[in-house]
Amino acid sequence: MIILDTLLIGGIKFVLSKIASAVDSQLNDDSVLREELLAAQMRLELGEITEKQFATVEADILARLREIRERQRGPDAAAGEMRITGIEARFDDGSGDSDAEDAAAER
């Protein structure tokens, strides 16, 4: 009788852990939301929805995407912790002398 109880509890634990992992992957999958946003953009371009309806759909989807990113970052990530790195801007006046300008800009 104890063996049957142990097997039953072990089986239930296994099934529940599989369900929990499936739900977790669905909650953190943003590809469905991206497809919804693309579909809404297409409907806007085809004239099926108005700009106002699109703005409402877009705001909802972007809020849900933000929630997913916050869940993926975890509780350790503080608000406003995002950093932008690796941006480079150059001015080209068409003279072909961009190397001299780059050297001057670095000084």
N, C-alpha and C. Protein backbone atom coordinates (compact mmCIF):
# COMPACT_ATOMS: atom_id res chain seq x y z
N MET A 1 0.82 -1.17 0.00
CA MET A 1 0.00 0.00 0.00
C MET A 1 0.87 1.25 0.00
N ILE A 2 1.96 1.24 0.75
CA ILE A 2 2.86 2.40 0.82
C ILE A 2 3.53 2.64 -0.53
N ILE A 3 3.86 1.57 -1.22
CA ILE A 3 4.49 1.68 -2.53
C ILE A 3 3.54 2.35 -3.52
N LEU A 4 2.27 1.97 -3.49
CA LEU A 4 1.28 2.57 -4.38
C LEU A 4 1.11 4.06 -4.08
N ASP A 5 1.07 4.42 -2.81
CA ASP A 5 0.95 5.83 -2.44
C ASP A 5 2.15 6.62 -2.93
N THR A 6 3.34 6.05 -2.76
CA THR A 6 4.55 6.73 -3.20
C THR A 6 4.55 6.91 -4.71
N LEU A 7 4.15 5.89 -5.44
CA LEU A 7 4.09 5.98 -6.90
C LEU A 7 3.04 7.00 -7.34
N LEU A 8 1.92 7.00 -6.67
CA LEU A 8 0.85 7.94 -7.01
C LEU A 8 1.30 9.38 -6.76
N ILE A 9 1.89 9.63 -5.63
CA ILE A 9 2.37 10.98 -5.30
C ILE A 9 3.49 11.39 -6.26
N GLY A 10 4.40 10.48 -6.55
CA GLY A 10 5.48 10.76 -7.50
C GLY A 10 4.94 11.09 -8.89
N GLY A 11 3.92 10.34 -9.33
CA GLY A 11 3.30 10.60 -10.63
C GLY A 11 2.61 11.95 -10.68
N ILE A 12 1.92 12.28 -9.61
CA ILE A 12 1.23 13.57 -9.55
C ILE A 12 2.23 14.71 -9.54
N LYS A 13 3.34 14.56 -8.79
CA LYS A 13 4.38 15.58 -8.76
C LYS A 13 4.97 15.78 -10.15
N PHE A 14 5.21 14.68 -10.87
CA PHE A 14 5.78 14.75 -12.20
C PHE A 14 4.85 15.51 -13.14
N VAL A 15 3.58 15.17 -13.12
CA VAL A 15 2.60 15.82 -14.00
C VAL A 15 2.48 17.30 -13.66
N LEU A 16 2.41 17.62 -12.38
CA LEU A 16 2.28 19.02 -11.98
C LEU A 16 3.53 19.82 -12.34
N SER A 17 4.70 19.23 -12.24
CA SER A 17 5.92 19.96 -12.62
C SER A 17 5.95 20.22 -14.13
N LYS A 18 5.47 19.25 -14.93
CA LYS A 18 5.39 19.45 -16.38
C LYS A 18 4.39 20.55 -16.73
N ILE A 19 3.27 20.58 -16.05
CA ILE A 19 2.27 21.62 -16.28
C ILE A 19 2.84 22.99 -15.90
N ALA A 20 3.54 23.05 -14.77
CA ALA A 20 4.12 24.32 -14.32
C ALA A 20 5.17 24.82 -15.30
N SER A 21 5.99 23.94 -15.83
CA SER A 21 7.00 24.38 -16.80
C SER A 21 6.37 24.82 -18.12
N ALA A 22 5.28 24.17 -18.54
CA ALA A 22 4.57 24.58 -19.75
C ALA A 22 3.93 25.95 -19.57
N VAL A 23 3.32 26.18 -18.43
CA VAL A 23 2.71 27.48 -18.15
C VAL A 23 3.79 28.57 -18.09
N ASP A 24 4.91 28.27 -17.47
CA ASP A 24 6.01 29.23 -17.37
C ASP A 24 6.54 29.60 -18.75
N SER A 25 6.70 28.61 -19.62
CA SER A 25 7.19 28.92 -20.96
C SER A 25 6.17 29.72 -21.76
N GLN A 26 4.89 29.47 -21.56
CA GLN A 26 3.85 30.26 -22.25
C GLN A 26 3.83 31.69 -21.73
N LEU A 27 4.01 31.87 -20.43
CA LEU A 27 4.00 33.21 -19.85
C LEU A 27 5.19 34.04 -20.32
N ASN A 28 6.31 33.40 -20.56
CA ASN A 28 7.53 34.11 -20.94
C ASN A 28 7.82 34.08 -22.43
N ASP A 29 6.89 33.61 -23.24
CA ASP A 29 7.09 33.55 -24.68
C ASP A 29 6.53 34.81 -25.32
N ASP A 30 7.42 35.65 -25.85
CA ASP A 30 6.97 36.90 -26.44
C ASP A 30 6.73 36.81 -27.94
N SER A 31 6.99 35.67 -28.55
CA SER A 31 6.80 35.54 -30.00
C SER A 31 5.33 35.66 -30.40
N VAL A 32 4.43 35.17 -29.56
CA VAL A 32 3.00 35.28 -29.86
C VAL A 32 2.57 36.75 -29.82
N LEU A 33 3.10 37.49 -28.86
CA LEU A 33 2.76 38.91 -28.77
C LEU A 33 3.32 39.70 -29.96
N ARG A 34 4.51 39.34 -30.39
CA ARG A 34 5.09 40.01 -31.55
C ARG A 34 4.26 39.74 -32.81
N GLU A 35 3.77 38.51 -32.93
CA GLU A 35 2.91 38.18 -34.07
C GLU A 35 1.60 38.96 -34.02
N GLU A 36 1.04 39.13 -32.81
CA GLU A 36 -0.19 39.91 -32.66
C GLU A 36 0.04 41.37 -33.07
N LEU A 37 1.19 41.91 -32.69
CA LEU A 37 1.51 43.29 -33.06
C LEU A 37 1.67 43.44 -34.57
N LEU A 38 2.34 42.49 -35.19
CA LEU A 38 2.49 42.52 -36.65
C LEU A 38 1.13 42.40 -37.35
N ALA A 39 0.27 41.55 -36.82
CA ALA A 39 -1.07 41.40 -37.40
C ALA A 39 -1.87 42.70 -37.26
N ALA A 40 -1.73 43.36 -36.13
CA ALA A 40 -2.44 44.63 -35.93
C ALA A 40 -1.90 45.70 -36.88
N GLN A 41 -0.60 45.71 -37.11
CA GLN A 41 -0.02 46.66 -38.05
C GLN A 41 -0.54 46.40 -39.47
N MET A 42 -0.64 45.15 -39.82
CA MET A 42 -1.15 44.79 -41.14
C MET A 42 -2.61 45.21 -41.29
N ARG A 43 -3.40 44.98 -40.24
CA ARG A 43 -4.81 45.38 -40.28
C ARG A 43 -4.94 46.90 -40.41
N LEU A 44 -4.03 47.64 -39.76
CA LEU A 44 -4.04 49.10 -39.88
C LEU A 44 -3.72 49.52 -41.31
N GLU A 45 -2.71 48.90 -41.90
CA GLU A 45 -2.33 49.24 -43.27
C GLU A 45 -3.42 48.89 -44.27
N LEU A 46 -4.16 47.85 -43.99
CA LEU A 46 -5.26 47.45 -44.89
C LEU A 46 -6.53 48.25 -44.63
N GLY A 47 -6.54 49.06 -43.60
CA GLY A 47 -7.70 49.89 -43.30
C GLY A 47 -8.79 49.17 -42.53
N GLU A 48 -8.47 48.02 -41.95
CA GLU A 48 -9.46 47.26 -41.19
C GLU A 48 -9.69 47.85 -39.80
N ILE A 49 -8.68 48.56 -39.26
CA ILE A 49 -8.81 49.21 -37.96
C ILE A 49 -8.33 50.65 -38.08
N THR A 50 -8.75 51.49 -37.15
CA THR A 50 -8.34 52.89 -37.16
C THR A 50 -7.03 53.06 -36.40
N GLU A 51 -6.46 54.25 -36.52
CA GLU A 51 -5.24 54.58 -35.78
C GLU A 51 -5.47 54.45 -34.27
N LYS A 52 -6.64 54.90 -33.84
CA LYS A 52 -6.95 54.85 -32.40
C LYS A 52 -7.04 53.41 -31.90
N GLN A 53 -7.70 52.54 -32.68
CA GLN A 53 -7.79 51.12 -32.30
C GLN A 53 -6.40 50.49 -32.28
N PHE A 54 -5.57 50.83 -33.27
CA PHE A 54 -4.22 50.29 -33.31
C PHE A 54 -3.41 50.75 -32.11
N ALA A 55 -3.54 52.02 -31.75
CA ALA A 55 -2.80 52.55 -30.61
C ALA A 55 -3.18 51.82 -29.33
N THR A 56 -4.46 51.48 -29.19
CA THR A 56 -4.91 50.74 -28.01
C THR A 56 -4.32 49.33 -27.98
N VAL A 57 -4.36 48.65 -29.12
CA VAL A 57 -3.80 47.30 -29.21
C VAL A 57 -2.30 47.33 -28.97
N GLU A 58 -1.63 48.30 -29.59
CA GLU A 58 -0.18 48.42 -29.45
C GLU A 58 0.22 48.67 -28.01
N ALA A 59 -0.49 49.57 -27.33
CA ALA A 59 -0.17 49.86 -25.93
C ALA A 59 -0.34 48.62 -25.05
N ASP A 60 -1.39 47.86 -25.30
CA ASP A 60 -1.64 46.64 -24.52
C ASP A 60 -0.53 45.61 -24.75
N ILE A 61 -0.16 45.40 -26.00
CA ILE A 61 0.87 44.41 -26.32
C ILE A 61 2.22 44.83 -25.77
N LEU A 62 2.57 46.10 -25.92
CA LEU A 62 3.86 46.57 -25.41
C LEU A 62 3.92 46.47 -23.89
N ALA A 63 2.81 46.70 -23.20
CA ALA A 63 2.78 46.55 -21.74
C ALA A 63 3.01 45.09 -21.36
N ARG A 64 2.39 44.19 -22.09
CA ARG A 64 2.58 42.76 -21.81
C ARG A 64 4.01 42.33 -22.10
N LEU A 65 4.62 42.87 -23.17
CA LEU A 65 6.02 42.56 -23.47
C LEU A 65 6.94 43.07 -22.36
N ARG A 66 6.65 44.25 -21.83
CA ARG A 66 7.43 44.79 -20.72
C ARG A 66 7.34 43.88 -19.50
N GLU A 67 6.14 43.38 -19.22
CA GLU A 67 5.96 42.47 -18.08
C GLU A 67 6.80 41.21 -18.26
N ILE A 68 6.83 40.68 -19.47
CA ILE A 68 7.63 39.48 -19.74
C ILE A 68 9.10 39.76 -19.49
N ARG A 69 9.59 40.89 -20.00
CA ARG A 69 11.01 41.23 -19.81
C ARG A 69 11.34 41.40 -18.34
N GLU A 70 10.43 42.01 -17.59
CA GLU A 70 10.67 42.19 -16.15
C GLU A 70 10.72 40.85 -15.43
N ARG A 71 9.84 39.93 -15.81
CA ARG A 71 9.86 38.59 -15.21
C ARG A 71 11.14 37.87 -15.55
N GLN A 72 11.63 38.03 -16.79
CA GLN A 72 12.84 37.35 -17.20
C GLN A 72 14.08 37.90 -16.49
N ARG A 73 14.06 39.22 -16.22
CA ARG A 73 15.19 39.83 -15.50
C ARG A 73 15.22 39.38 -14.06
N GLY A 74 14.07 39.13 -13.50
CA GLY A 74 14.00 38.67 -12.12
C GLY A 74 13.87 39.80 -11.14
N PRO A 75 13.73 39.46 -9.87
CA PRO A 75 13.51 40.48 -8.84
C PRO A 75 14.77 41.29 -8.52
N ASP A 76 15.95 40.84 -8.94
CA ASP A 76 17.19 41.53 -8.62
C ASP A 76 17.39 42.80 -9.45
N ALA A 77 16.79 42.85 -10.63
CA ALA A 77 17.00 44.00 -11.51
C ALA A 77 16.24 45.21 -10.98
N ALA A 78 16.96 46.27 -10.79
CA ALA A 78 16.33 47.50 -10.29
C ALA A 78 15.75 48.29 -11.46
N ALA A 79 14.76 49.10 -11.15
CA ALA A 79 14.15 49.93 -12.18
C ALA A 79 15.15 50.96 -12.66
N GLY A 80 15.18 51.22 -13.95
CA GLY A 80 16.07 52.21 -14.51
C GLY A 80 17.51 51.73 -14.64
N GLU A 81 17.72 50.46 -14.68
CA GLU A 81 19.05 49.90 -14.72
C GLU A 81 19.56 49.71 -16.16
N MET A 82 18.76 50.06 -17.15
CA MET A 82 19.13 49.85 -18.53
C MET A 82 20.24 50.80 -18.93
N ARG A 83 21.21 50.29 -19.67
CA ARG A 83 22.31 51.10 -20.16
C ARG A 83 22.43 50.94 -21.66
N ILE A 84 22.74 52.03 -22.33
CA ILE A 84 22.95 51.99 -23.77
C ILE A 84 24.44 52.13 -24.00
N THR A 85 25.01 51.16 -24.70
CA THR A 85 26.44 51.19 -24.97
C THR A 85 26.68 50.92 -26.45
N GLY A 86 27.85 51.32 -26.90
CA GLY A 86 28.25 50.99 -28.26
C GLY A 86 27.65 51.89 -29.33
N ILE A 87 27.23 53.09 -28.97
CA ILE A 87 26.67 53.99 -29.97
C ILE A 87 27.78 54.88 -30.50
N GLU A 88 27.83 54.99 -31.80
CA GLU A 88 28.84 55.81 -32.43
C GLU A 88 28.17 56.69 -33.47
N ALA A 89 28.48 57.96 -33.47
CA ALA A 89 27.90 58.88 -34.44
C ALA A 89 29.03 59.60 -35.17
N ARG A 90 28.89 59.70 -36.46
CA ARG A 90 29.90 60.39 -37.27
C ARG A 90 29.21 61.39 -38.18
N PHE A 91 29.91 62.47 -38.46
CA PHE A 91 29.43 63.48 -39.38
C PHE A 91 30.24 63.36 -40.66
N ASP A 92 29.54 63.26 -41.77
CA ASP A 92 30.21 63.19 -43.05
C ASP A 92 29.73 64.37 -43.89
N ASP A 93 30.65 65.30 -44.14
CA ASP A 93 30.28 66.48 -44.92
C ASP A 93 30.45 66.26 -46.42
N GLY A 94 30.84 65.06 -46.81
CA GLY A 94 30.99 64.74 -48.23
C GLY A 94 32.36 65.06 -48.78
N SER A 95 33.28 65.58 -47.95
CA SER A 95 34.60 65.94 -48.44
C SER A 95 35.52 64.74 -48.55
N GLY A 96 35.12 63.63 -47.97
CA GLY A 96 35.96 62.44 -48.01
C GLY A 96 37.06 62.47 -46.98
N ASP A 97 37.03 63.43 -46.10
CA ASP A 97 38.07 63.61 -45.09
C ASP A 97 37.56 63.19 -43.71
N SER A 98 36.81 62.08 -43.66
CA SER A 98 36.20 61.66 -42.40
C SER A 98 37.23 61.15 -41.41
N ASP A 99 38.40 60.64 -41.87
CA ASP A 99 39.42 60.16 -40.94
C ASP A 99 39.99 61.30 -40.11
N ALA A 100 40.19 62.47 -40.73
CA ALA A 100 40.70 63.62 -39.99
C ALA A 100 39.68 64.09 -38.98
N GLU A 101 38.41 64.05 -39.36
CA GLU A 101 37.35 64.46 -38.44
C GLU A 101 37.26 63.50 -37.26
N ASP A 102 37.44 62.17 -37.53
CA ASP A 102 37.39 61.18 -36.45
C ASP A 102 38.53 61.42 -35.47
N ALA A 103 39.71 61.71 -35.98
CA ALA A 103 40.87 61.96 -35.11
C ALA A 103 40.63 63.21 -34.28
N ALA A 104 40.06 64.25 -34.89
CA ALA A 104 39.78 65.48 -34.16
C ALA A 104 38.72 65.26 -33.10
N ALA A 105 37.75 64.44 -33.39
CA ALA A 105 36.66 64.18 -32.44
C ALA A 105 37.15 63.38 -31.24
N GLU A 106 38.17 62.55 -31.43
CA GLU A 106 38.69 61.74 -30.34
C GLU A 106 39.49 62.56 -29.35
N ARG A 107 39.99 63.72 -29.78
CA ARG A 107 40.81 64.58 -28.90
C ARG A 107 39.96 65.25 -27.94
